[in-house]
Amino acid sequence: YVPAETDPAIIEKLTSALQVALQDQNVIDRFAELGTTP
């Protein structure tokens, strides 16, 4: 989350970075070890 009224363009950059992170192999592998998935 970010505070209300944050510029949509900034949110878009954060969302894009989140989506990239959730496809990172280390994140996928570590999540699997912890019993979850992105």
All heavy atoms as atom14 arrays in JSON, in Angstrom:
{
  "sequence": "YVPAETDPAIIEKLTSALQVALQDQNVIDRFAELGTTP",
  "atom14_mask": [
    [1, 1, 1, 1, 1, 1, 1, 1, 1, 1, 1, 1, 0, 0],
    [1, 1, 1, 1, 1, 1, 1, 0, 0, 0, 0, 0, 0, 0],
    [1, 1, 1, 1, 1, 1, 1, 0, 0, 0, 0, 0, 0, 0],
    [1, 1, 1, 1, 1, 0, 0, 0, 0, 0, 0, 0, 0, 0],
    [1, 1, 1, 1, 1, 1, 1, 1, 1, 0, 0, 0, 0, 0],
    [1, 1, 1, 1, 1, 1, 1, 0, 0, 0, 0, 0, 0, 0],
    [1, 1, 1, 1, 1, 1, 1, 1, 0, 0, 0, 0, 0, 0],
    [1, 1, 1, 1, 1, 1, 1, 0, 0, 0, 0, 0, 0, 0],
    [1, 1, 1, 1, 1, 0, 0, 0, 0, 0, 0, 0, 0, 0],
    [1, 1, 1, 1, 1, 1, 1, 1, 0, 0, 0, 0, 0, 0],
    [1, 1, 1, 1, 1, 1, 1, 1, 0, 0, 0, 0, 0, 0],
    [1, 1, 1, 1, 1, 1, 1, 1, 1, 0, 0, 0, 0, 0],
    [1, 1, 1, 1, 1, 1, 1, 1, 1, 0, 0, 0, 0, 0],
    [1, 1, 1, 1, 1, 1, 1, 1, 0, 0, 0, 0, 0, 0],
    [1, 1, 1, 1, 1, 1, 1, 0, 0, 0, 0, 0, 0, 0],
    [1, 1, 1, 1, 1, 1, 0, 0, 0, 0, 0, 0, 0, 0],
    [1, 1, 1, 1, 1, 0, 0, 0, 0, 0, 0, 0, 0, 0],
    [1, 1, 1, 1, 1, 1, 1, 1, 0, 0, 0, 0, 0, 0],
    [1, 1, 1, 1, 1, 1, 1, 1, 1, 0, 0, 0, 0, 0],
    [1, 1, 1, 1, 1, 1, 1, 0, 0, 0, 0, 0, 0, 0],
    [1, 1, 1, 1, 1, 0, 0, 0, 0, 0, 0, 0, 0, 0],
    [1, 1, 1, 1, 1, 1, 1, 1, 0, 0, 0, 0, 0, 0],
    [1, 1, 1, 1, 1, 1, 1, 1, 1, 0, 0, 0, 0, 0],
    [1, 1, 1, 1, 1, 1, 1, 1, 0, 0, 0, 0, 0, 0],
    [1, 1, 1, 1, 1, 1, 1, 1, 1, 0, 0, 0, 0, 0],
    [1, 1, 1, 1, 1, 1, 1, 1, 0, 0, 0, 0, 0, 0],
    [1, 1, 1, 1, 1, 1, 1, 0, 0, 0, 0, 0, 0, 0],
    [1, 1, 1, 1, 1, 1, 1, 1, 0, 0, 0, 0, 0, 0],
    [1, 1, 1, 1, 1, 1, 1, 1, 0, 0, 0, 0, 0, 0],
    [1, 1, 1, 1, 1, 1, 1, 1, 1, 1, 1, 0, 0, 0],
    [1, 1, 1, 1, 1, 1, 1, 1, 1, 1, 1, 0, 0, 0],
    [1, 1, 1, 1, 1, 0, 0, 0, 0, 0, 0, 0, 0, 0],
    [1, 1, 1, 1, 1, 1, 1, 1, 1, 0, 0, 0, 0, 0],
    [1, 1, 1, 1, 1, 1, 1, 1, 0, 0, 0, 0, 0, 0],
    [1, 1, 1, 1, 0, 0, 0, 0, 0, 0, 0, 0, 0, 0],
    [1, 1, 1, 1, 1, 1, 1, 0, 0, 0, 0, 0, 0, 0],
    [1, 1, 1, 1, 1, 1, 1, 0, 0, 0, 0, 0, 0, 0],
    [1, 1, 1, 1, 1, 1, 1, 0, 0, 0, 0, 0, 0, 0]
  ],
  "atom14_positions": [
    [[0.83, -1.2, 0.0], [0.0, 0.0, 0.0], [0.87, 1.25, 0.0], [2.0, 1.24, 0.51], [-0.88, 0.05, 1.26], [-1.77, -1.14, 1.48], [-1.28, -2.32, 2.03], [-3.12, -1.09, 1.16], [-2.1, -3.41, 2.24], [-3.96, -2.18, 1.37], [-3.45, -3.33, 1.91], [-4.26, -4.41, 2.12], [0.0, 0.0, 0.0], [0.0, 0.0, 0.0]],
    [[0.31, 2.34, -0.5], [0.9, 3.67, -0.37], [-0.19, 4.61, 0.1], [-1.39, 4.28, 0.0], [1.5, 4.16, -1.71], [2.75, 3.38, -2.07], [0.47, 4.09, -2.83], [0.0, 0.0, 0.0], [0.0, 0.0, 0.0], [0.0, 0.0, 0.0], [0.0, 0.0, 0.0], [0.0, 0.0, 0.0], [0.0, 0.0, 0.0], [0.0, 0.0, 0.0]],
    [[0.17, 5.78, 0.63], [-0.86, 6.73, 1.09], [-1.8, 7.14, -0.04], [-1.42, 7.16, -1.22], [-0.04, 7.92, 1.58], [1.29, 7.33, 1.95], [1.53, 6.25, 0.95], [0.0, 0.0, 0.0], [0.0, 0.0, 0.0], [0.0, 0.0, 0.0], [0.0, 0.0, 0.0], [0.0, 0.0, 0.0], [0.0, 0.0, 0.0], [0.0, 0.0, 0.0]],
    [[-3.03, 7.47, 0.32], [-4.01, 7.94, -0.66], [-3.48, 9.16, -1.4], [-2.69, 9.94, -0.86], [-5.32, 8.29, 0.05], [0.0, 0.0, 0.0], [0.0, 0.0, 0.0], [0.0, 0.0, 0.0], [0.0, 0.0, 0.0], [0.0, 0.0, 0.0], [0.0, 0.0, 0.0], [0.0, 0.0, 0.0], [0.0, 0.0, 0.0], [0.0, 0.0, 0.0]],
    [[-3.92, 9.29, -2.63], [-3.56, 10.41, -3.52], [-2.13, 10.31, -4.06], [-1.64, 11.27, -4.65], [-3.8, 11.76, -2.83], [-5.25, 11.98, -2.44], [-5.51, 13.35, -1.87], [-4.59, 14.2, -1.88], [-6.64, 13.59, -1.4], [0.0, 0.0, 0.0], [0.0, 0.0, 0.0], [0.0, 0.0, 0.0], [0.0, 0.0, 0.0], [0.0, 0.0, 0.0]],
    [[-1.48, 9.17, -3.87], [-0.19, 8.97, -4.52], [-0.43, 8.95, -6.03], [-1.4, 8.37, -6.51], [0.44, 7.64, -4.08], [0.7, 7.69, -2.67], [1.76, 7.38, -4.8], [0.0, 0.0, 0.0], [0.0, 0.0, 0.0], [0.0, 0.0, 0.0], [0.0, 0.0, 0.0], [0.0, 0.0, 0.0], [0.0, 0.0, 0.0], [0.0, 0.0, 0.0]],
    [[0.45, 9.59, -6.78], [0.27, 9.69, -8.22], [0.19, 8.31, -8.88], [1.0, 7.43, -8.58], [1.42, 10.48, -8.83], [1.13, 10.88, -10.26], [1.28, 10.02, -11.15], [0.76, 12.04, -10.48], [0.0, 0.0, 0.0], [0.0, 0.0, 0.0], [0.0, 0.0, 0.0], [0.0, 0.0, 0.0], [0.0, 0.0, 0.0], [0.0, 0.0, 0.0]],
    [[-0.78, 8.1, -9.76], [-0.93, 6.8, -10.44], [0.33, 6.35, -11.18], [0.6, 5.15, -11.27], [-2.08, 7.05, -11.42], [-2.89, 8.14, -10.8], [-1.88, 9.03, -10.12], [0.0, 0.0, 0.0], [0.0, 0.0, 0.0], [0.0, 0.0, 0.0], [0.0, 0.0, 0.0], [0.0, 0.0, 0.0], [0.0, 0.0, 0.0], [0.0, 0.0, 0.0]],
    [[1.1, 7.33, -11.69], [2.33, 6.97, -12.41], [3.35, 6.34, -11.47], [4.1, 5.44, -11.85], [2.92, 8.21, -13.09], [0.0, 0.0, 0.0], [0.0, 0.0, 0.0], [0.0, 0.0, 0.0], [0.0, 0.0, 0.0], [0.0, 0.0, 0.0], [0.0, 0.0, 0.0], [0.0, 0.0, 0.0], [0.0, 0.0, 0.0], [0.0, 0.0, 0.0]],
    [[3.38, 6.82, -10.23], [4.29, 6.25, -9.23], [3.82, 4.85, -8.83], [4.62, 3.92, -8.71], [4.39, 7.19, -8.01], [5.13, 8.46, -8.38], [5.06, 6.48, -6.82], [5.2, 9.5, -7.28], [0.0, 0.0, 0.0], [0.0, 0.0, 0.0], [0.0, 0.0, 0.0], [0.0, 0.0, 0.0], [0.0, 0.0, 0.0], [0.0, 0.0, 0.0]],
    [[2.52, 4.71, -8.63], [1.96, 3.41, -8.28], [2.25, 2.4, -9.38], [2.6, 1.24, -9.12], [0.44, 3.51, -8.03], [0.17, 4.4, -6.81], [-0.17, 2.12, -7.83], [-1.3, 4.67, -6.56], [0.0, 0.0, 0.0], [0.0, 0.0, 0.0], [0.0, 0.0, 0.0], [0.0, 0.0, 0.0], [0.0, 0.0, 0.0], [0.0, 0.0, 0.0]],
    [[2.14, 2.85, -10.62], [2.41, 1.97, -11.76], [3.85, 1.46, -11.73], [4.11, 0.29, -12.02], [2.14, 2.71, -13.07], [2.28, 1.84, -14.3], [1.95, 2.58, -15.59], [1.46, 3.72, -15.51], [2.19, 2.01, -16.66], [0.0, 0.0, 0.0], [0.0, 0.0, 0.0], [0.0, 0.0, 0.0], [0.0, 0.0, 0.0], [0.0, 0.0, 0.0]],
    [[4.79, 2.32, -11.35], [6.19, 1.91, -11.27], [6.38, 0.89, -10.15], [7.11, -0.09, -10.31], [7.09, 3.12, -11.05], [7.26, 4.0, -12.28], [8.33, 5.06, -12.06], [8.56, 5.87, -13.33], [9.65, 6.86, -13.18], [0.0, 0.0, 0.0], [0.0, 0.0, 0.0], [0.0, 0.0, 0.0], [0.0, 0.0, 0.0], [0.0, 0.0, 0.0]],
    [[5.72, 1.11, -9.02], [5.83, 0.18, -7.9], [5.2, -1.17, -8.26], [5.74, -2.24, -7.95], [5.16, 0.76, -6.66], [5.89, 1.92, -5.97], [5.0, 2.59, -4.93], [7.17, 1.41, -5.3], [0.0, 0.0, 0.0], [0.0, 0.0, 0.0], [0.0, 0.0, 0.0], [0.0, 0.0, 0.0], [0.0, 0.0, 0.0], [0.0, 0.0, 0.0]],
    [[4.04, -1.13, -8.91], [3.37, -2.36, -9.32], [4.23, -3.15, -10.31], [4.37, -4.37, -10.19], [2.0, -2.04, -9.95], [1.17, -1.39, -8.99], [1.32, -3.32, -10.43], [0.0, 0.0, 0.0], [0.0, 0.0, 0.0], [0.0, 0.0, 0.0], [0.0, 0.0, 0.0], [0.0, 0.0, 0.0], [0.0, 0.0, 0.0], [0.0, 0.0, 0.0]],
    [[4.81, -2.44, -11.26], [5.67, -3.09, -12.25], [6.86, -3.76, -11.58], [7.23, -4.9, -11.91], [6.16, -2.06, -13.27], [7.03, -2.65, -14.21], [0.0, 0.0, 0.0], [0.0, 0.0, 0.0], [0.0, 0.0, 0.0], [0.0, 0.0, 0.0], [0.0, 0.0, 0.0], [0.0, 0.0, 0.0], [0.0, 0.0, 0.0], [0.0, 0.0, 0.0]],
    [[7.46, -3.07, -10.6], [8.6, -3.63, -9.87], [8.18, -4.84, -9.05], [8.91, -5.84, -8.95], [9.23, -2.57, -8.97], [0.0, 0.0, 0.0], [0.0, 0.0, 0.0], [0.0, 0.0, 0.0], [0.0, 0.0, 0.0], [0.0, 0.0, 0.0], [0.0, 0.0, 0.0], [0.0, 0.0, 0.0], [0.0, 0.0, 0.0], [0.0, 0.0, 0.0]],
    [[6.99, -4.79, -8.46], [6.46, -5.92, -7.7], [6.27, -7.13, -8.61], [6.64, -8.25, -8.26], [5.13, -5.55, -7.05], [4.35, -6.7, -6.39], [5.15, -7.32, -5.26], [2.99, -6.21, -5.89], [0.0, 0.0, 0.0], [0.0, 0.0, 0.0], [0.0, 0.0, 0.0], [0.0, 0.0, 0.0], [0.0, 0.0, 0.0], [0.0, 0.0, 0.0]],
    [[5.71, -6.92, -9.79], [5.47, -8.01, -10.71], [6.79, -8.66, -11.15], [6.87, -9.88, -11.29], [4.68, -7.51, -11.92], [3.25, -7.13, -11.56], [2.46, -6.62, -12.75], [3.03, -6.17, -13.74], [1.14, -6.68, -12.66], [0.0, 0.0, 0.0], [0.0, 0.0, 0.0], [0.0, 0.0, 0.0], [0.0, 0.0, 0.0], [0.0, 0.0, 0.0]],
    [[7.81, -7.84, -11.36], [9.13, -8.37, -11.71], [9.68, -9.21, -10.55], [10.22, -10.3, -10.74], [10.11, -7.23, -12.07], [11.54, -7.76, -12.16], [9.7, -6.57, -13.38], [0.0, 0.0, 0.0], [0.0, 0.0, 0.0], [0.0, 0.0, 0.0], [0.0, 0.0, 0.0], [0.0, 0.0, 0.0], [0.0, 0.0, 0.0], [0.0, 0.0, 0.0]],
    [[9.54, -8.69, -9.33], [10.05, -9.38, -8.14], [9.39, -10.74, -7.96], [10.03, -11.72, -7.57], [9.83, -8.52, -6.89], [0.0, 0.0, 0.0], [0.0, 0.0, 0.0], [0.0, 0.0, 0.0], [0.0, 0.0, 0.0], [0.0, 0.0, 0.0], [0.0, 0.0, 0.0], [0.0, 0.0, 0.0], [0.0, 0.0, 0.0], [0.0, 0.0, 0.0]],
    [[8.08, -10.82, -8.26], [7.35, -12.07, -8.05], [7.7, -13.12, -9.09], [7.34, -14.29, -8.95], [5.85, -11.8, -8.05], [5.35, -10.93, -6.89], [3.84, -10.71, -6.99], [5.7, -11.54, -5.55], [0.0, 0.0, 0.0], [0.0, 0.0, 0.0], [0.0, 0.0, 0.0], [0.0, 0.0, 0.0], [0.0, 0.0, 0.0], [0.0, 0.0, 0.0]],
    [[8.41, -12.71, -10.14], [8.89, -13.67, -11.14], [10.38, -14.0, -10.95], [10.95, -14.78, -11.72], [8.68, -13.11, -12.55], [7.21, -12.92, -12.91], [7.02, -12.37, -14.31], [7.12, -13.1, -15.29], [6.78, -11.08, -14.41], [0.0, 0.0, 0.0], [0.0, 0.0, 0.0], [0.0, 0.0, 0.0], [0.0, 0.0, 0.0], [0.0, 0.0, 0.0]],
    [[10.98, -13.39, -9.93], [12.38, -13.65, -9.62], [12.54, -15.09, -9.12], [11.79, -15.53, -8.24], [12.86, -12.66, -8.56], [14.32, -12.84, -8.2], [15.17, -12.28, -8.9], [14.59, -13.56, -7.22], [0.0, 0.0, 0.0], [0.0, 0.0, 0.0], [0.0, 0.0, 0.0], [0.0, 0.0, 0.0], [0.0, 0.0, 0.0], [0.0, 0.0, 0.0]],
    [[13.49, -15.82, -9.66], [13.63, -17.23, -9.33], [13.95, -17.46, -7.86], [13.46, -18.42, -7.24], [14.71, -17.89, -10.19], [14.67, -19.41, -10.14], [13.33, -19.99, -10.58], [12.81, -19.64, -11.63], [12.77, -20.88, -9.76], [0.0, 0.0, 0.0], [0.0, 0.0, 0.0], [0.0, 0.0, 0.0], [0.0, 0.0, 0.0], [0.0, 0.0, 0.0]],
    [[14.74, -16.59, -7.27], [15.07, -16.73, -5.86], [13.82, -16.56, -5.0], [13.62, -17.29, -4.02], [16.13, -15.72, -5.43], [16.48, -15.84, -3.96], [16.96, -16.85, -3.49], [16.2, -14.77, -3.19], [0.0, 0.0, 0.0], [0.0, 0.0, 0.0], [0.0, 0.0, 0.0], [0.0, 0.0, 0.0], [0.0, 0.0, 0.0], [0.0, 0.0, 0.0]],
    [[12.97, -15.59, -5.36], [11.72, -15.38, -4.63], [10.83, -16.6, -4.77], [10.28, -17.09, -3.77], [10.99, -14.11, -5.14], [9.59, -14.02, -4.55], [11.79, -12.86, -4.79], [0.0, 0.0, 0.0], [0.0, 0.0, 0.0], [0.0, 0.0, 0.0], [0.0, 0.0, 0.0], [0.0, 0.0, 0.0], [0.0, 0.0, 0.0], [0.0, 0.0, 0.0]],
    [[10.7, -17.12, -5.97], [9.87, -18.31, -6.21], [10.38, -19.49, -5.38], [9.6, -20.19, -4.71], [9.86, -18.66, -7.71], [9.15, -17.56, -8.51], [9.18, -20.01, -7.94], [9.28, -17.71, -10.01], [0.0, 0.0, 0.0], [0.0, 0.0, 0.0], [0.0, 0.0, 0.0], [0.0, 0.0, 0.0], [0.0, 0.0, 0.0], [0.0, 0.0, 0.0]],
    [[11.7, -19.71, -5.4], [12.29, -20.84, -4.68], [12.14, -20.69, -3.17], [11.79, -21.65, -2.48], [13.77, -20.98, -5.04], [13.98, -21.41, -6.49], [13.02, -21.88, -7.11], [15.12, -21.25, -6.98], [0.0, 0.0, 0.0], [0.0, 0.0, 0.0], [0.0, 0.0, 0.0], [0.0, 0.0, 0.0], [0.0, 0.0, 0.0], [0.0, 0.0, 0.0]],
    [[12.41, -19.5, -2.67], [12.32, -19.28, -1.22], [10.87, -19.35, -0.75], [10.58, -19.89, 0.32], [12.93, -17.93, -0.85], [14.44, -17.89, -0.97], [15.13, -18.68, 0.15], [14.97, -17.97, 1.44], [14.33, -18.47, 2.49], [13.77, -19.68, 2.44], [14.23, -17.77, 3.6], [0.0, 0.0, 0.0], [0.0, 0.0, 0.0], [0.0, 0.0, 0.0]],
    [[9.95, -18.81, -1.54], [8.53, -18.92, -1.19], [8.14, -20.39, -1.11], [7.41, -20.8, -0.2], [7.67, -18.2, -2.23], [7.46, -16.72, -1.96], [8.32, -16.02, -1.15], [6.4, -16.04, -2.54], [8.13, -14.66, -0.9], [6.2, -14.69, -2.3], [7.06, -14.0, -1.48], [0.0, 0.0, 0.0], [0.0, 0.0, 0.0], [0.0, 0.0, 0.0]],
    [[8.6, -21.19, -2.07], [8.27, -22.63, -2.08], [8.78, -23.32, -0.82], [8.09, -24.16, -0.24], [8.85, -23.29, -3.33], [0.0, 0.0, 0.0], [0.0, 0.0, 0.0], [0.0, 0.0, 0.0], [0.0, 0.0, 0.0], [0.0, 0.0, 0.0], [0.0, 0.0, 0.0], [0.0, 0.0, 0.0], [0.0, 0.0, 0.0], [0.0, 0.0, 0.0]],
    [[9.98, -22.95, -0.4], [10.54, -23.52, 0.83], [9.7, -23.17, 2.04], [9.66, -23.91, 3.03], [11.97, -23.01, 1.04], [12.98, -23.53, 0.03], [14.34, -22.85, 0.18], [14.5, -22.07, 1.14], [15.22, -23.08, -0.67], [0.0, 0.0, 0.0], [0.0, 0.0, 0.0], [0.0, 0.0, 0.0], [0.0, 0.0, 0.0], [0.0, 0.0, 0.0]],
    [[9.02, -22.04, 1.97], [8.21, -21.56, 3.09], [6.74, -21.95, 2.96], [5.9, -21.52, 3.75], [8.34, -20.03, 3.2], [9.75, -19.52, 3.5], [9.82, -18.0, 3.33], [10.18, -19.92, 4.9], [0.0, 0.0, 0.0], [0.0, 0.0, 0.0], [0.0, 0.0, 0.0], [0.0, 0.0, 0.0], [0.0, 0.0, 0.0], [0.0, 0.0, 0.0]],
    [[6.43, -22.75, 1.93], [5.08, -23.26, 1.8], [4.11, -22.33, 1.11], [2.89, -22.44, 1.31], [0.0, 0.0, 0.0], [0.0, 0.0, 0.0], [0.0, 0.0, 0.0], [0.0, 0.0, 0.0], [0.0, 0.0, 0.0], [0.0, 0.0, 0.0], [0.0, 0.0, 0.0], [0.0, 0.0, 0.0], [0.0, 0.0, 0.0], [0.0, 0.0, 0.0]],
    [[4.62, -21.42, 0.29], [3.72, -20.5, -0.4], [4.22, -20.25, -1.81], [5.27, -20.76, -2.21], [3.58, -19.18, 0.37], [2.58, -18.36, -0.26], [4.89, -18.41, 0.41], [0.0, 0.0, 0.0], [0.0, 0.0, 0.0], [0.0, 0.0, 0.0], [0.0, 0.0, 0.0], [0.0, 0.0, 0.0], [0.0, 0.0, 0.0], [0.0, 0.0, 0.0]],
    [[3.47, -19.5, -2.58], [3.86, -19.14, -3.94], [3.52, -17.67, -4.18], [2.62, -17.13, -3.54], [3.11, -19.99, -4.99], [1.69, -19.82, -4.79], [3.48, -21.45, -4.87], [0.0, 0.0, 0.0], [0.0, 0.0, 0.0], [0.0, 0.0, 0.0], [0.0, 0.0, 0.0], [0.0, 0.0, 0.0], [0.0, 0.0, 0.0], [0.0, 0.0, 0.0]],
    [[4.2, -17.02, -5.13], [3.82, -15.65, -5.48], [2.44, -15.64, -6.13], [2.05, -16.62, -6.77], [4.9, -15.23, -6.49], [6.03, -16.19, -6.3], [5.4, -17.48, -5.86], [0.0, 0.0, 0.0], [0.0, 0.0, 0.0], [0.0, 0.0, 0.0], [0.0, 0.0, 0.0], [0.0, 0.0, 0.0], [0.0, 0.0, 0.0], [0.0, 0.0, 0.0]]
  ]
}
